[in-house]
N, C-alpha and C. Protein backbone atom coordinates (compact mmCIF):
# COMPACT_ATOMS: atom_id res chain seq x y z
N UNK A 1 -6.69 -142.97 107.35
CA UNK A 1 -7.18 -142.47 108.63
C UNK A 1 -8.65 -142.08 108.49
N UNK A 2 -9.50 -142.75 109.27
CA UNK A 2 -10.93 -142.52 109.16
C UNK A 2 -11.41 -141.38 110.02
N UNK A 3 -12.72 -141.20 110.11
CA UNK A 3 -13.30 -140.13 110.93
C UNK A 3 -12.97 -140.29 112.40
N UNK A 4 -12.87 -139.18 113.09
CA UNK A 4 -12.63 -139.20 114.53
C UNK A 4 -13.88 -139.72 115.25
N UNK A 5 -13.73 -140.20 116.49
CA UNK A 5 -14.91 -140.66 117.24
C UNK A 5 -15.99 -139.59 117.38
N UNK A 6 -15.57 -138.34 117.59
CA UNK A 6 -16.56 -137.27 117.73
C UNK A 6 -17.31 -137.04 116.43
N UNK A 7 -16.59 -137.14 115.30
CA UNK A 7 -17.25 -136.97 114.00
C UNK A 7 -18.24 -138.10 113.75
N UNK A 8 -17.87 -139.31 114.09
CA UNK A 8 -18.76 -140.46 113.92
C UNK A 8 -20.01 -140.32 114.78
N UNK A 9 -19.84 -139.82 116.01
CA UNK A 9 -21.00 -139.63 116.87
C UNK A 9 -21.92 -138.56 116.31
N UNK A 10 -21.34 -137.49 115.78
CA UNK A 10 -22.17 -136.43 115.18
C UNK A 10 -22.92 -136.98 113.97
N UNK A 11 -22.25 -137.78 113.15
CA UNK A 11 -22.91 -138.38 111.99
C UNK A 11 -24.05 -139.30 112.41
N UNK A 12 -23.88 -139.97 113.53
CA UNK A 12 -24.90 -140.92 113.99
C UNK A 12 -26.23 -140.23 114.30
N UNK A 13 -26.16 -139.01 114.82
CA UNK A 13 -27.38 -138.30 115.19
C UNK A 13 -27.75 -137.19 114.21
N UNK A 14 -26.98 -137.04 113.14
CA UNK A 14 -27.21 -135.94 112.19
C UNK A 14 -28.62 -136.00 111.60
N UNK A 15 -29.38 -134.94 111.83
CA UNK A 15 -30.75 -134.80 111.34
C UNK A 15 -31.63 -136.01 111.68
N UNK A 16 -31.43 -136.55 112.87
CA UNK A 16 -32.24 -137.67 113.34
C UNK A 16 -33.39 -137.15 114.18
N UNK A 17 -34.59 -137.53 113.84
CA UNK A 17 -35.75 -137.12 114.62
C UNK A 17 -35.81 -137.76 115.98
N UNK A 18 -34.99 -138.80 116.19
CA UNK A 18 -35.02 -139.51 117.47
C UNK A 18 -34.52 -138.65 118.62
N UNK A 19 -33.79 -137.60 118.33
CA UNK A 19 -33.25 -136.75 119.40
C UNK A 19 -34.16 -135.59 119.76
N UNK A 20 -35.28 -135.46 119.07
CA UNK A 20 -36.14 -134.29 119.26
C UNK A 20 -36.58 -134.13 120.71
N UNK A 21 -36.59 -132.87 121.17
CA UNK A 21 -37.10 -132.52 122.49
C UNK A 21 -38.07 -131.34 122.33
N UNK A 22 -39.11 -131.31 123.17
CA UNK A 22 -40.13 -130.29 123.02
C UNK A 22 -39.65 -128.88 123.34
N UNK A 23 -38.51 -128.74 124.00
CA UNK A 23 -38.05 -127.37 124.32
C UNK A 23 -37.66 -126.59 123.07
N UNK A 24 -37.57 -127.27 121.93
CA UNK A 24 -37.31 -126.56 120.67
C UNK A 24 -38.42 -125.54 120.40
N UNK A 25 -39.65 -125.88 120.74
CA UNK A 25 -40.77 -124.99 120.45
C UNK A 25 -40.69 -123.68 121.23
N UNK A 26 -40.40 -123.70 122.55
CA UNK A 26 -40.20 -122.42 123.25
C UNK A 26 -39.02 -121.62 122.72
N UNK A 27 -37.95 -122.33 122.30
CA UNK A 27 -36.81 -121.60 121.72
C UNK A 27 -37.23 -120.87 120.45
N UNK A 28 -38.03 -121.55 119.64
CA UNK A 28 -38.54 -120.92 118.42
C UNK A 28 -39.41 -119.71 118.78
N UNK A 29 -40.26 -119.87 119.78
CA UNK A 29 -41.14 -118.78 120.19
C UNK A 29 -40.34 -117.57 120.67
N UNK A 30 -39.26 -117.82 121.41
CA UNK A 30 -38.42 -116.73 121.92
C UNK A 30 -37.76 -115.99 120.76
N UNK A 31 -37.23 -116.74 119.79
CA UNK A 31 -36.59 -116.11 118.63
C UNK A 31 -37.59 -115.27 117.85
N UNK A 32 -38.78 -115.81 117.63
CA UNK A 32 -39.82 -115.07 116.91
C UNK A 32 -40.22 -113.82 117.68
N UNK A 33 -40.32 -113.94 119.00
CA UNK A 33 -40.70 -112.79 119.84
C UNK A 33 -39.66 -111.67 119.74
N UNK A 34 -38.38 -112.03 119.78
CA UNK A 34 -37.31 -111.03 119.69
C UNK A 34 -37.46 -110.21 118.41
N UNK A 35 -37.67 -110.90 117.30
CA UNK A 35 -37.80 -110.18 116.04
C UNK A 35 -39.13 -109.42 115.96
N UNK A 36 -40.19 -109.99 116.53
CA UNK A 36 -41.48 -109.31 116.52
C UNK A 36 -41.41 -107.99 117.27
N UNK A 37 -40.68 -107.96 118.39
CA UNK A 37 -40.52 -106.73 119.16
C UNK A 37 -39.79 -105.68 118.33
N UNK A 38 -38.72 -106.10 117.64
CA UNK A 38 -37.97 -105.13 116.82
C UNK A 38 -38.79 -104.63 115.64
N UNK A 39 -39.59 -105.51 115.06
CA UNK A 39 -40.45 -105.09 113.95
C UNK A 39 -41.52 -104.13 114.44
N UNK A 40 -42.10 -104.43 115.62
CA UNK A 40 -43.11 -103.54 116.20
C UNK A 40 -42.53 -102.15 116.43
N UNK A 41 -41.27 -102.10 116.83
CA UNK A 41 -40.60 -100.82 117.06
C UNK A 41 -40.06 -100.21 115.77
N UNK A 42 -40.24 -100.94 114.69
CA UNK A 42 -39.72 -100.53 113.38
C UNK A 42 -38.21 -100.32 113.42
N UNK A 43 -37.56 -101.15 114.19
CA UNK A 43 -36.10 -101.12 114.30
C UNK A 43 -35.51 -102.01 113.22
N UNK A 44 -35.57 -101.54 111.99
CA UNK A 44 -35.12 -102.35 110.86
C UNK A 44 -33.62 -102.60 110.90
N UNK A 45 -32.88 -101.68 111.50
CA UNK A 45 -31.44 -101.89 111.64
C UNK A 45 -31.17 -103.17 112.45
N UNK A 46 -31.88 -103.29 113.57
CA UNK A 46 -31.70 -104.46 114.40
C UNK A 46 -32.16 -105.74 113.72
N UNK A 47 -33.27 -105.66 113.03
CA UNK A 47 -33.81 -106.84 112.34
C UNK A 47 -32.84 -107.35 111.30
N UNK A 48 -32.38 -106.47 110.42
CA UNK A 48 -31.52 -106.90 109.33
C UNK A 48 -30.11 -107.26 109.83
N UNK A 49 -29.64 -106.55 110.84
CA UNK A 49 -28.34 -106.90 111.42
C UNK A 49 -28.40 -108.29 112.04
N UNK A 50 -29.49 -108.58 112.75
CA UNK A 50 -29.65 -109.89 113.36
C UNK A 50 -29.71 -110.99 112.32
N UNK A 51 -30.43 -110.76 111.24
CA UNK A 51 -30.53 -111.75 110.17
C UNK A 51 -29.19 -111.95 109.47
N UNK A 52 -28.45 -110.85 109.30
CA UNK A 52 -27.13 -110.96 108.66
C UNK A 52 -26.18 -111.77 109.54
N UNK A 53 -26.22 -111.54 110.85
CA UNK A 53 -25.40 -112.28 111.80
C UNK A 53 -25.71 -113.78 111.70
N UNK A 54 -26.99 -114.09 111.67
CA UNK A 54 -27.42 -115.48 111.58
C UNK A 54 -26.98 -116.11 110.25
N UNK A 55 -27.12 -115.37 109.16
CA UNK A 55 -26.71 -115.89 107.85
C UNK A 55 -25.22 -116.20 107.81
N UNK A 56 -24.41 -115.35 108.45
CA UNK A 56 -22.98 -115.60 108.46
C UNK A 56 -22.65 -116.88 109.22
N UNK A 57 -23.43 -117.18 110.25
CA UNK A 57 -23.22 -118.45 110.95
C UNK A 57 -23.52 -119.62 110.03
N UNK A 58 -24.60 -119.53 109.26
CA UNK A 58 -24.93 -120.59 108.32
C UNK A 58 -23.81 -120.78 107.29
N UNK A 59 -23.23 -119.69 106.82
CA UNK A 59 -22.12 -119.80 105.87
C UNK A 59 -20.97 -120.59 106.49
N UNK A 60 -20.61 -120.22 107.73
CA UNK A 60 -19.54 -120.94 108.42
C UNK A 60 -19.85 -122.41 108.62
N UNK A 61 -21.09 -122.70 108.98
CA UNK A 61 -21.46 -124.08 109.25
C UNK A 61 -21.46 -124.93 107.98
N UNK A 62 -21.85 -124.34 106.88
CA UNK A 62 -21.81 -125.06 105.60
C UNK A 62 -20.37 -125.35 105.21
N UNK A 63 -19.50 -124.35 105.35
CA UNK A 63 -18.08 -124.57 105.05
C UNK A 63 -17.48 -125.63 105.97
N UNK A 64 -17.88 -125.61 107.24
CA UNK A 64 -17.41 -126.60 108.20
C UNK A 64 -17.82 -128.01 107.78
N UNK A 65 -19.05 -128.14 107.34
CA UNK A 65 -19.52 -129.44 106.87
C UNK A 65 -18.76 -129.91 105.64
N UNK A 66 -18.42 -128.98 104.77
CA UNK A 66 -17.65 -129.33 103.57
C UNK A 66 -16.24 -129.77 103.93
N UNK A 67 -15.67 -129.18 104.97
CA UNK A 67 -14.34 -129.60 105.43
C UNK A 67 -14.38 -131.08 105.80
N UNK A 68 -15.41 -131.48 106.52
CA UNK A 68 -15.50 -132.90 106.87
C UNK A 68 -15.71 -133.77 105.64
N UNK A 69 -16.56 -133.31 104.73
CA UNK A 69 -16.81 -134.10 103.52
C UNK A 69 -15.53 -134.37 102.74
N UNK A 70 -14.70 -133.36 102.59
CA UNK A 70 -13.50 -133.53 101.77
C UNK A 70 -12.35 -134.18 102.52
N UNK A 71 -12.31 -134.04 103.85
CA UNK A 71 -11.23 -134.68 104.61
C UNK A 71 -11.61 -136.08 105.08
N UNK A 72 -12.91 -136.29 105.31
CA UNK A 72 -13.40 -137.55 105.89
C UNK A 72 -12.66 -137.87 107.19
N UNK A 73 -12.21 -136.82 107.87
CA UNK A 73 -11.53 -136.98 109.15
C UNK A 73 -12.34 -136.32 110.28
N UNK A 74 -12.54 -135.02 110.15
CA UNK A 74 -13.30 -134.29 111.17
C UNK A 74 -13.68 -132.92 110.62
N UNK A 75 -14.80 -132.38 111.11
CA UNK A 75 -15.09 -130.97 110.82
C UNK A 75 -14.13 -130.12 111.65
N UNK A 76 -14.08 -128.83 111.36
CA UNK A 76 -13.23 -127.96 112.18
C UNK A 76 -13.77 -127.91 113.60
N UNK A 77 -15.08 -127.89 113.73
CA UNK A 77 -15.73 -128.03 115.04
C UNK A 77 -16.91 -128.97 114.86
N UNK A 78 -17.22 -129.69 115.90
CA UNK A 78 -18.35 -130.60 115.85
C UNK A 78 -19.24 -130.40 117.05
N UNK A 79 -20.50 -130.84 116.92
CA UNK A 79 -21.45 -130.72 118.03
C UNK A 79 -22.13 -132.07 118.26
N UNK A 80 -21.36 -133.06 118.73
CA UNK A 80 -21.92 -134.41 118.90
C UNK A 80 -22.63 -134.63 120.23
N UNK A 81 -22.69 -133.61 121.06
CA UNK A 81 -23.27 -133.77 122.39
C UNK A 81 -24.79 -133.84 122.35
N UNK A 82 -25.40 -133.85 123.54
CA UNK A 82 -26.86 -133.92 123.64
C UNK A 82 -27.50 -132.72 122.96
N UNK A 83 -28.49 -132.96 122.13
CA UNK A 83 -29.18 -131.91 121.40
C UNK A 83 -30.58 -132.38 121.04
N UNK A 84 -31.46 -131.43 120.82
CA UNK A 84 -32.80 -131.77 120.37
C UNK A 84 -32.83 -132.03 118.87
N UNK A 85 -31.81 -131.57 118.15
CA UNK A 85 -31.73 -131.83 116.71
C UNK A 85 -30.40 -131.30 116.20
N UNK A 86 -29.65 -132.15 115.53
CA UNK A 86 -28.37 -131.74 114.93
C UNK A 86 -28.62 -131.41 113.47
N UNK A 87 -28.56 -130.14 113.13
CA UNK A 87 -28.90 -129.66 111.79
C UNK A 87 -27.77 -129.96 110.80
N UNK A 88 -26.56 -129.53 111.16
CA UNK A 88 -25.34 -129.84 110.40
C UNK A 88 -24.33 -130.39 111.39
N UNK A 89 -23.21 -130.89 110.92
CA UNK A 89 -22.30 -131.60 111.80
C UNK A 89 -21.76 -130.75 112.95
N UNK A 90 -21.74 -129.43 112.77
CA UNK A 90 -21.29 -128.54 113.85
C UNK A 90 -22.36 -127.59 114.32
N UNK A 91 -23.61 -127.82 113.89
CA UNK A 91 -24.70 -126.88 114.20
C UNK A 91 -25.91 -127.64 114.72
N UNK A 92 -26.20 -127.44 116.01
CA UNK A 92 -27.44 -128.01 116.53
C UNK A 92 -28.51 -126.93 116.63
N UNK A 93 -29.73 -127.34 116.91
CA UNK A 93 -30.85 -126.40 116.89
C UNK A 93 -30.71 -125.36 118.00
N UNK A 94 -30.06 -125.73 119.10
CA UNK A 94 -29.86 -124.77 120.19
C UNK A 94 -28.92 -123.65 119.76
N UNK A 95 -27.83 -124.02 119.08
CA UNK A 95 -26.89 -123.03 118.55
C UNK A 95 -27.59 -122.15 117.52
N UNK A 96 -28.41 -122.78 116.69
CA UNK A 96 -29.10 -122.06 115.62
C UNK A 96 -29.94 -120.92 116.19
N UNK A 97 -30.75 -121.22 117.20
CA UNK A 97 -31.61 -120.18 117.78
C UNK A 97 -30.79 -119.14 118.53
N UNK A 98 -29.69 -119.57 119.14
CA UNK A 98 -28.83 -118.61 119.84
C UNK A 98 -28.29 -117.57 118.87
N UNK A 99 -27.78 -118.03 117.71
CA UNK A 99 -27.23 -117.08 116.75
C UNK A 99 -28.32 -116.25 116.09
N UNK A 100 -29.52 -116.78 116.00
CA UNK A 100 -30.62 -116.01 115.44
C UNK A 100 -30.91 -114.78 116.29
N UNK A 101 -30.71 -114.92 117.61
CA UNK A 101 -30.99 -113.82 118.54
C UNK A 101 -29.75 -112.96 118.79
N UNK A 102 -28.57 -113.57 118.77
CA UNK A 102 -27.35 -112.89 119.20
C UNK A 102 -27.07 -111.59 118.44
N UNK A 103 -27.28 -111.61 117.13
CA UNK A 103 -26.99 -110.41 116.35
C UNK A 103 -27.84 -109.23 116.78
N UNK A 104 -29.12 -109.49 117.06
CA UNK A 104 -30.02 -108.43 117.53
C UNK A 104 -29.52 -107.86 118.85
N UNK A 105 -29.04 -108.74 119.72
CA UNK A 105 -28.57 -108.32 121.04
C UNK A 105 -27.31 -107.46 120.92
N UNK A 106 -26.34 -107.93 120.14
CA UNK A 106 -25.06 -107.23 120.08
C UNK A 106 -25.15 -105.84 119.47
N UNK A 107 -26.02 -105.66 118.47
CA UNK A 107 -26.08 -104.32 117.86
C UNK A 107 -26.74 -103.31 118.78
N UNK A 108 -27.43 -103.78 119.82
CA UNK A 108 -28.06 -102.86 120.76
C UNK A 108 -27.04 -102.10 121.60
N UNK A 109 -25.82 -102.63 121.68
CA UNK A 109 -24.81 -101.93 122.49
C UNK A 109 -23.89 -101.05 121.63
N UNK A 110 -24.18 -100.97 120.34
CA UNK A 110 -23.38 -100.09 119.48
C UNK A 110 -23.66 -98.63 119.82
N UNK A 111 -22.63 -97.81 119.96
CA UNK A 111 -22.87 -96.37 120.14
C UNK A 111 -23.60 -95.80 118.94
N UNK A 112 -24.52 -94.89 119.19
CA UNK A 112 -25.29 -94.30 118.09
C UNK A 112 -24.38 -93.56 117.11
N UNK A 113 -23.35 -92.92 117.64
CA UNK A 113 -22.40 -92.20 116.80
C UNK A 113 -21.35 -93.18 116.28
N UNK A 114 -21.34 -93.39 114.98
CA UNK A 114 -20.42 -94.38 114.40
C UNK A 114 -18.95 -93.97 114.55
N UNK A 115 -18.71 -92.69 114.78
CA UNK A 115 -17.33 -92.21 114.93
C UNK A 115 -16.79 -92.42 116.34
N UNK A 116 -17.62 -92.90 117.25
CA UNK A 116 -17.18 -93.11 118.63
C UNK A 116 -16.02 -94.10 118.68
N UNK A 117 -15.06 -93.79 119.55
CA UNK A 117 -13.92 -94.70 119.75
C UNK A 117 -13.96 -95.22 121.19
N UNK A 118 -13.62 -96.47 121.36
CA UNK A 118 -13.56 -97.10 122.67
C UNK A 118 -12.13 -97.52 122.93
N UNK A 119 -11.53 -96.95 123.97
CA UNK A 119 -10.12 -97.18 124.27
C UNK A 119 -9.23 -96.87 123.06
N UNK A 120 -9.64 -95.86 122.31
CA UNK A 120 -8.87 -95.42 121.16
C UNK A 120 -9.12 -96.20 119.89
N UNK A 121 -9.99 -97.20 119.94
CA UNK A 121 -10.28 -98.04 118.78
C UNK A 121 -11.68 -97.71 118.26
N UNK A 122 -11.88 -97.63 116.94
CA UNK A 122 -13.23 -97.41 116.42
C UNK A 122 -14.22 -98.38 117.06
N UNK A 123 -15.36 -97.87 117.49
CA UNK A 123 -16.29 -98.66 118.31
C UNK A 123 -16.72 -99.95 117.63
N UNK A 124 -16.93 -99.89 116.30
CA UNK A 124 -17.39 -101.11 115.61
C UNK A 124 -16.33 -102.20 115.67
N UNK A 125 -15.10 -101.84 115.45
CA UNK A 125 -14.01 -102.82 115.51
C UNK A 125 -13.79 -103.30 116.95
N UNK A 126 -13.85 -102.38 117.89
CA UNK A 126 -13.64 -102.76 119.29
C UNK A 126 -14.69 -103.78 119.74
N UNK A 127 -15.97 -103.50 119.44
CA UNK A 127 -17.03 -104.40 119.88
C UNK A 127 -17.05 -105.70 119.08
N UNK A 128 -16.63 -105.62 117.82
CA UNK A 128 -16.55 -106.86 117.03
C UNK A 128 -15.49 -107.79 117.59
N UNK A 129 -14.34 -107.22 117.95
CA UNK A 129 -13.27 -108.04 118.53
C UNK A 129 -13.67 -108.54 119.91
N UNK A 130 -14.22 -107.64 120.73
CA UNK A 130 -14.64 -108.03 122.07
C UNK A 130 -15.71 -109.11 122.03
N UNK A 131 -16.66 -108.96 121.11
CA UNK A 131 -17.71 -109.97 120.97
C UNK A 131 -17.17 -111.30 120.52
N UNK A 132 -16.20 -111.26 119.61
CA UNK A 132 -15.59 -112.50 119.12
C UNK A 132 -14.83 -113.21 120.23
N UNK A 133 -14.09 -112.45 121.01
CA UNK A 133 -13.34 -113.04 122.14
C UNK A 133 -14.31 -113.65 123.14
N UNK A 134 -15.38 -112.94 123.43
CA UNK A 134 -16.39 -113.46 124.36
C UNK A 134 -16.94 -114.80 123.87
N UNK A 135 -17.28 -114.86 122.59
CA UNK A 135 -17.83 -116.09 122.02
C UNK A 135 -16.83 -117.24 122.08
N UNK A 136 -15.56 -116.93 121.86
CA UNK A 136 -14.53 -117.98 121.91
C UNK A 136 -14.37 -118.50 123.33
N UNK A 137 -14.46 -117.61 124.31
CA UNK A 137 -14.39 -118.06 125.71
C UNK A 137 -15.55 -119.01 126.01
N UNK A 138 -16.74 -118.68 125.52
CA UNK A 138 -17.89 -119.57 125.70
C UNK A 138 -17.64 -120.91 125.02
N UNK A 139 -17.06 -120.87 123.82
CA UNK A 139 -16.75 -122.12 123.12
C UNK A 139 -15.77 -122.98 123.90
N UNK A 140 -14.80 -122.34 124.53
CA UNK A 140 -13.83 -123.09 125.34
C UNK A 140 -14.52 -123.82 126.48
N UNK A 141 -15.49 -123.16 127.09
CA UNK A 141 -16.25 -123.80 128.17
C UNK A 141 -17.06 -124.97 127.63
N UNK A 142 -17.66 -124.79 126.46
CA UNK A 142 -18.43 -125.87 125.84
C UNK A 142 -17.52 -127.04 125.46
N UNK A 143 -16.33 -126.71 124.98
CA UNK A 143 -15.37 -127.77 124.64
C UNK A 143 -14.93 -128.53 125.88
N UNK A 144 -14.69 -127.81 126.96
CA UNK A 144 -14.29 -128.45 128.21
C UNK A 144 -15.38 -129.38 128.73
N UNK A 145 -16.65 -129.04 128.42
CA UNK A 145 -17.77 -129.87 128.85
C UNK A 145 -18.05 -131.02 127.89
N UNK A 146 -17.33 -131.04 126.76
CA UNK A 146 -17.53 -132.11 125.79
C UNK A 146 -18.68 -131.88 124.83
N UNK A 147 -19.31 -130.70 124.90
CA UNK A 147 -20.45 -130.40 124.03
C UNK A 147 -20.01 -129.95 122.64
N UNK A 148 -18.82 -129.36 122.56
CA UNK A 148 -18.28 -128.87 121.30
C UNK A 148 -16.89 -129.46 121.14
N UNK A 149 -16.62 -130.07 119.99
CA UNK A 149 -15.34 -130.77 119.82
C UNK A 149 -14.45 -130.08 118.79
N UNK A 150 -13.16 -130.13 119.05
CA UNK A 150 -12.13 -129.63 118.13
C UNK A 150 -11.12 -130.75 117.92
N UNK A 151 -10.84 -131.08 116.67
CA UNK A 151 -9.93 -132.18 116.37
C UNK A 151 -8.67 -131.76 115.61
N UNK A 152 -8.52 -130.47 115.37
CA UNK A 152 -7.35 -129.97 114.67
C UNK A 152 -6.51 -129.11 115.62
N UNK A 153 -5.19 -129.28 115.58
CA UNK A 153 -4.29 -128.56 116.50
C UNK A 153 -4.33 -127.06 116.27
N UNK A 154 -4.66 -126.65 115.06
CA UNK A 154 -4.63 -125.22 114.73
C UNK A 154 -5.96 -124.53 115.04
N UNK A 155 -6.89 -125.25 115.68
CA UNK A 155 -8.19 -124.66 116.01
C UNK A 155 -8.62 -125.22 117.36
N UNK A 156 -8.38 -124.47 118.43
CA UNK A 156 -8.74 -124.99 119.74
C UNK A 156 -8.25 -124.10 120.85
N UNK A 157 -8.25 -124.64 122.07
CA UNK A 157 -7.87 -123.84 123.23
C UNK A 157 -6.43 -123.34 123.16
N UNK A 158 -5.55 -124.11 122.52
CA UNK A 158 -4.17 -123.68 122.39
C UNK A 158 -3.96 -122.77 121.18
N UNK A 159 -4.97 -122.66 120.33
CA UNK A 159 -4.89 -121.80 119.14
C UNK A 159 -6.20 -121.04 118.97
N UNK A 160 -6.48 -120.10 119.87
CA UNK A 160 -7.77 -119.40 119.82
C UNK A 160 -7.86 -118.30 118.76
N UNK A 161 -6.71 -117.79 118.31
CA UNK A 161 -6.75 -116.66 117.37
C UNK A 161 -7.52 -116.99 116.09
N UNK A 162 -7.28 -118.15 115.45
CA UNK A 162 -8.06 -118.46 114.24
C UNK A 162 -9.57 -118.49 114.50
N UNK A 163 -9.96 -118.94 115.71
CA UNK A 163 -11.40 -118.97 116.00
C UNK A 163 -11.95 -117.55 116.10
N UNK A 164 -11.17 -116.66 116.72
CA UNK A 164 -11.59 -115.27 116.83
C UNK A 164 -11.71 -114.63 115.45
N UNK A 165 -10.66 -114.81 114.64
CA UNK A 165 -10.57 -114.11 113.35
C UNK A 165 -11.51 -114.70 112.30
N UNK A 166 -11.53 -116.01 112.20
CA UNK A 166 -12.31 -116.65 111.14
C UNK A 166 -13.64 -117.21 111.63
N UNK A 167 -13.69 -117.56 112.91
CA UNK A 167 -14.92 -118.16 113.43
C UNK A 167 -15.99 -117.15 113.78
N UNK A 168 -15.59 -115.96 114.26
CA UNK A 168 -16.59 -115.02 114.76
C UNK A 168 -16.49 -113.60 114.23
N UNK A 169 -15.29 -113.10 114.02
CA UNK A 169 -15.15 -111.70 113.62
C UNK A 169 -15.99 -111.33 112.39
N UNK A 170 -16.05 -112.19 111.35
CA UNK A 170 -16.90 -111.83 110.20
C UNK A 170 -18.37 -111.67 110.56
N UNK A 171 -18.87 -112.46 111.53
CA UNK A 171 -20.27 -112.33 111.94
C UNK A 171 -20.55 -110.90 112.40
N UNK A 172 -19.69 -110.42 113.32
CA UNK A 172 -19.89 -109.11 113.91
C UNK A 172 -19.69 -108.00 112.89
N UNK A 173 -18.63 -108.10 112.10
CA UNK A 173 -18.36 -107.03 111.13
C UNK A 173 -19.48 -106.90 110.10
N UNK A 174 -19.98 -108.02 109.61
CA UNK A 174 -21.08 -107.96 108.63
C UNK A 174 -22.35 -107.43 109.28
N UNK A 175 -22.65 -107.91 110.48
CA UNK A 175 -23.86 -107.43 111.17
C UNK A 175 -23.78 -105.94 111.46
N UNK A 176 -22.62 -105.46 111.91
CA UNK A 176 -22.46 -104.02 112.19
C UNK A 176 -22.52 -103.21 110.90
N UNK A 177 -21.93 -103.75 109.83
CA UNK A 177 -21.96 -103.08 108.53
C UNK A 177 -23.40 -102.90 108.05
N UNK A 178 -24.19 -103.97 108.14
CA UNK A 178 -25.60 -103.90 107.73
C UNK A 178 -26.36 -102.94 108.65
N UNK A 179 -26.09 -103.00 109.94
CA UNK A 179 -26.76 -102.11 110.90
C UNK A 179 -26.54 -100.65 110.56
N UNK A 180 -25.35 -100.30 110.13
CA UNK A 180 -25.00 -98.90 109.91
C UNK A 180 -25.43 -98.37 108.54
N UNK A 181 -25.98 -99.23 107.69
CA UNK A 181 -26.46 -98.75 106.39
C UNK A 181 -27.65 -97.80 106.60
N UNK A 182 -27.68 -96.72 105.84
CA UNK A 182 -28.75 -95.73 105.98
C UNK A 182 -29.97 -96.04 105.11
N UNK A 183 -29.84 -97.01 104.24
CA UNK A 183 -30.92 -97.35 103.31
C UNK A 183 -31.49 -98.72 103.68
N UNK A 184 -32.75 -98.75 104.10
CA UNK A 184 -33.37 -100.01 104.49
C UNK A 184 -33.42 -100.98 103.32
N UNK A 185 -33.64 -100.45 102.13
CA UNK A 185 -33.70 -101.33 100.96
C UNK A 185 -32.36 -101.99 100.70
N UNK A 186 -31.29 -101.25 100.95
CA UNK A 186 -29.97 -101.85 100.79
C UNK A 186 -29.73 -102.93 101.83
N UNK A 187 -30.16 -102.67 103.07
CA UNK A 187 -30.05 -103.69 104.12
C UNK A 187 -30.79 -104.95 103.71
N UNK A 188 -31.99 -104.77 103.18
CA UNK A 188 -32.81 -105.91 102.77
C UNK A 188 -32.14 -106.67 101.63
N UNK A 189 -31.53 -105.94 100.70
CA UNK A 189 -30.87 -106.60 99.57
C UNK A 189 -29.69 -107.44 100.04
N UNK A 190 -28.89 -106.88 100.94
CA UNK A 190 -27.72 -107.62 101.44
C UNK A 190 -28.16 -108.89 102.15
N UNK A 191 -29.17 -108.79 103.00
CA UNK A 191 -29.67 -109.97 103.71
C UNK A 191 -30.28 -110.96 102.73
N UNK A 192 -30.96 -110.46 101.71
CA UNK A 192 -31.55 -111.35 100.71
C UNK A 192 -30.47 -112.13 99.96
N UNK A 193 -29.37 -111.45 99.63
CA UNK A 193 -28.27 -112.13 98.94
C UNK A 193 -27.64 -113.19 99.85
N UNK A 194 -27.39 -112.82 101.10
CA UNK A 194 -26.79 -113.77 102.05
C UNK A 194 -27.69 -114.97 102.26
N UNK A 195 -28.96 -114.72 102.54
CA UNK A 195 -29.89 -115.82 102.81
C UNK A 195 -30.12 -116.65 101.55
N UNK A 196 -30.14 -116.00 100.39
CA UNK A 196 -30.30 -116.74 99.14
C UNK A 196 -29.13 -117.67 98.89
N UNK A 197 -27.91 -117.17 99.17
CA UNK A 197 -26.72 -118.00 99.00
C UNK A 197 -26.76 -119.20 99.94
N UNK A 198 -27.23 -118.98 101.16
CA UNK A 198 -27.33 -120.07 102.14
C UNK A 198 -28.34 -121.12 101.67
N UNK A 199 -29.50 -120.67 101.22
CA UNK A 199 -30.54 -121.60 100.76
C UNK A 199 -30.05 -122.42 99.58
N UNK A 200 -29.38 -121.76 98.63
CA UNK A 200 -28.87 -122.47 97.45
C UNK A 200 -27.81 -123.49 97.87
N UNK A 201 -26.90 -123.08 98.77
CA UNK A 201 -25.86 -124.00 99.22
C UNK A 201 -26.45 -125.21 99.93
N UNK A 202 -27.47 -124.98 100.77
CA UNK A 202 -28.11 -126.10 101.46
C UNK A 202 -28.82 -127.01 100.46
N UNK A 203 -29.47 -126.41 99.48
CA UNK A 203 -30.17 -127.21 98.49
C UNK A 203 -29.20 -128.10 97.71
N UNK A 204 -28.01 -127.54 97.42
CA UNK A 204 -27.02 -128.29 96.65
C UNK A 204 -26.30 -129.31 97.51
N UNK A 205 -25.72 -128.85 98.65
CA UNK A 205 -24.83 -129.71 99.42
C UNK A 205 -25.57 -130.67 100.36
N UNK A 206 -26.78 -130.28 100.79
CA UNK A 206 -27.56 -131.19 101.64
C UNK A 206 -28.57 -131.97 100.79
N UNK A 207 -29.34 -131.22 99.98
CA UNK A 207 -30.40 -131.86 99.22
C UNK A 207 -29.94 -132.68 98.04
N UNK A 208 -29.19 -132.06 97.14
CA UNK A 208 -28.82 -132.74 95.89
C UNK A 208 -27.63 -133.67 96.05
N UNK A 209 -26.53 -133.16 96.60
CA UNK A 209 -25.29 -133.94 96.67
C UNK A 209 -25.17 -134.78 97.95
N UNK A 210 -25.90 -134.37 98.99
CA UNK A 210 -25.82 -135.05 100.29
C UNK A 210 -24.40 -135.12 100.83
N UNK A 211 -23.68 -134.02 100.65
CA UNK A 211 -22.31 -133.94 101.13
C UNK A 211 -22.23 -133.57 102.60
N UNK A 212 -23.21 -132.77 103.07
CA UNK A 212 -23.14 -132.31 104.46
C UNK A 212 -24.43 -132.64 105.20
């Protein structure tokens, strides 16, 4: 059994310069502006939480690419639709910039008091779950539009729990964990480890082995 049609389409445009669109540049400017504002305000919690959120997405996307490499059937999710650049089989440049900003946005709604409970649930867990559910609902809309593909029965509209638990919940929990650290140097170290692991994985699996 070979690759699914959606996987083949994603492979066709994977890292192809032919799909480039100039709107990538404004997206980059917006992402840079968001972080510049937080740095100007010296909101290091927001900066490092946002970077941690983004790094966790890269981890997921690398693992997703490896799933396709080893199965040669389909990634867990694919992004074969219209894009200005497909970075990995399930990650386009539009998604990349969205996740770069999303972490900064979500930590802004965290209650200042970490002991706060929402509907009886610790606020960090409540917002992490709520944020994950929100993201899955968005994914369902993207899937319905054909922009995001799911080829496995255990990951999709009929099985949303795995997407909530494994697809998004770690993003929020790690970002909130980094946000709540009282030591900026510790925040920087955690983000450095995460980003370093991502860079090494990309160098190995994209650059050296060409697996993803």
